[in-house]
């Protein structure tokens, strides 16, 4: 199967926190790759990415992708994501600068 489904089945197993973090990171990167290749799958992929966006920097990255992907198809969603991103940046300016 795809790397995504393989990583999913790995994550269903009991893992040490370190391994789980690594697997989640790989899953996240695989999903982002898939999103770049298949923007039409955004409605399926973005919610999965949302579950994995566990830091402020990752939330910001996700919102930027939502903006990019939604722009041609869903202006309302784009505006909402841009607004969330702006709020997030204000809230966590310091954190985001460090990444």
Protein backbone atom coordinates (compact mmCIF):
# COMPACT_ATOMS: atom_id res chain seq x y z
CA UNK A 1 0.00 0.00 0.00
CA UNK A 2 0.91 3.65 0.15
CA UNK A 3 3.37 4.93 2.76
CA UNK A 4 0.37 6.60 4.38
CA UNK A 5 -1.54 3.37 4.98
CA UNK A 6 1.62 1.61 6.14
CA UNK A 7 2.38 4.35 8.66
CA UNK A 8 -1.23 4.25 9.82
CA UNK A 9 -1.00 0.57 10.66
CA UNK A 10 2.32 1.19 12.44
CA UNK A 11 0.64 3.88 14.54
CA UNK A 12 -2.09 1.45 15.59
CA UNK A 13 0.52 -0.61 17.42
CA UNK A 14 1.85 0.17 20.88
CA UNK A 15 4.94 2.31 20.33
CA UNK A 16 7.36 4.17 22.53
CA UNK A 17 6.63 7.92 22.60
CA UNK A 18 9.76 8.58 20.54
CA UNK A 19 8.82 6.08 17.81
CA UNK A 20 5.26 7.33 17.77
CA UNK A 21 6.48 10.89 17.27
CA UNK A 22 8.71 9.79 14.41
CA UNK A 23 5.94 7.81 12.75
CA UNK A 24 3.53 10.73 13.10
CA UNK A 25 6.09 13.07 11.60
CA UNK A 26 6.59 10.74 8.65
CA UNK A 27 2.85 10.36 8.23
CA UNK A 28 2.46 14.13 8.24
CA UNK A 29 5.16 14.57 5.59
CA UNK A 30 3.62 11.82 3.45
CA UNK A 31 0.21 13.48 3.68
CA UNK A 32 1.69 16.84 2.68
CA UNK A 33 3.33 15.19 -0.31
CA UNK A 34 0.05 13.60 -1.28
CA UNK A 35 -1.69 16.95 -0.93
CA UNK A 36 0.84 18.56 -3.27
CA UNK A 37 0.32 15.83 -5.83
CA UNK A 38 -3.46 15.60 -5.44
CA UNK A 39 -4.92 18.95 -4.37
CA UNK A 40 -8.37 17.54 -5.22
CA UNK A 41 -8.01 15.24 -2.23
CA UNK A 42 -7.78 18.24 0.11
CA UNK A 43 -11.12 17.57 1.79
CA UNK A 44 -9.89 14.12 2.70
CA UNK A 45 -6.30 15.02 3.56
CA UNK A 46 -6.61 18.29 5.45
CA UNK A 47 -8.62 16.87 8.37
CA UNK A 48 -6.01 14.13 8.75
CA UNK A 49 -3.26 16.73 8.77
CA UNK A 50 -5.19 18.74 11.32
CA UNK A 51 -5.02 15.84 13.77
CA UNK A 52 -1.24 15.77 13.34
CA UNK A 53 -0.64 19.51 13.66
CA UNK A 54 0.55 19.37 17.24
CA UNK A 55 2.70 22.50 17.46
CA UNK A 56 2.08 26.14 16.70
CA UNK A 57 4.50 26.04 13.79
CA UNK A 58 2.71 22.98 12.37
CA UNK A 59 -0.69 24.66 12.74
CA UNK A 60 0.67 27.66 10.88
CA UNK A 61 2.07 25.43 8.15
CA UNK A 62 -1.25 23.63 7.85
CA UNK A 63 -3.21 26.88 7.62
CA UNK A 64 -0.88 28.14 4.90
CA UNK A 65 -1.52 24.95 2.94
CA UNK A 66 -5.27 25.31 3.47
CA UNK A 67 -5.01 28.80 1.99
CA UNK A 68 -3.05 27.56 -1.03
CA UNK A 69 -5.26 24.57 -1.69
CA UNK A 70 -8.59 26.28 -1.08
CA UNK A 71 -7.90 29.49 -2.95
CA UNK A 72 -9.13 28.37 -6.38
CA UNK A 73 -12.04 26.33 -5.04
CA UNK A 74 -13.24 27.65 -1.73
CA UNK A 75 -12.72 31.38 -1.11
CA UNK A 76 -14.65 31.27 2.17
CA UNK A 77 -12.44 28.57 3.58
CA UNK A 78 -9.37 30.46 2.37
CA UNK A 79 -10.41 33.61 4.20
CA UNK A 80 -11.15 31.62 7.35
CA UNK A 81 -7.75 29.90 7.22
CA UNK A 82 -5.98 33.20 6.58
CA UNK A 83 -7.77 34.73 9.55
CA UNK A 84 -6.81 31.79 11.78
CA UNK A 85 -3.25 32.08 10.57
CA UNK A 86 -3.13 35.79 11.39
CA UNK A 87 -4.54 35.14 14.87
CA UNK A 88 -2.06 32.33 15.39
CA UNK A 89 0.86 34.52 14.32
CA UNK A 90 -0.13 37.26 16.75
CA UNK A 91 -0.58 34.79 19.56
CA UNK A 92 2.71 33.02 19.00
CA UNK A 93 4.96 35.48 17.22
CA UNK A 94 7.90 34.46 19.39
CA UNK A 95 7.42 30.73 18.87
CA UNK A 96 7.11 31.04 15.10
CA UNK A 97 10.25 33.13 14.78
CA UNK A 98 12.30 30.38 16.37
CA UNK A 99 11.36 27.62 13.95
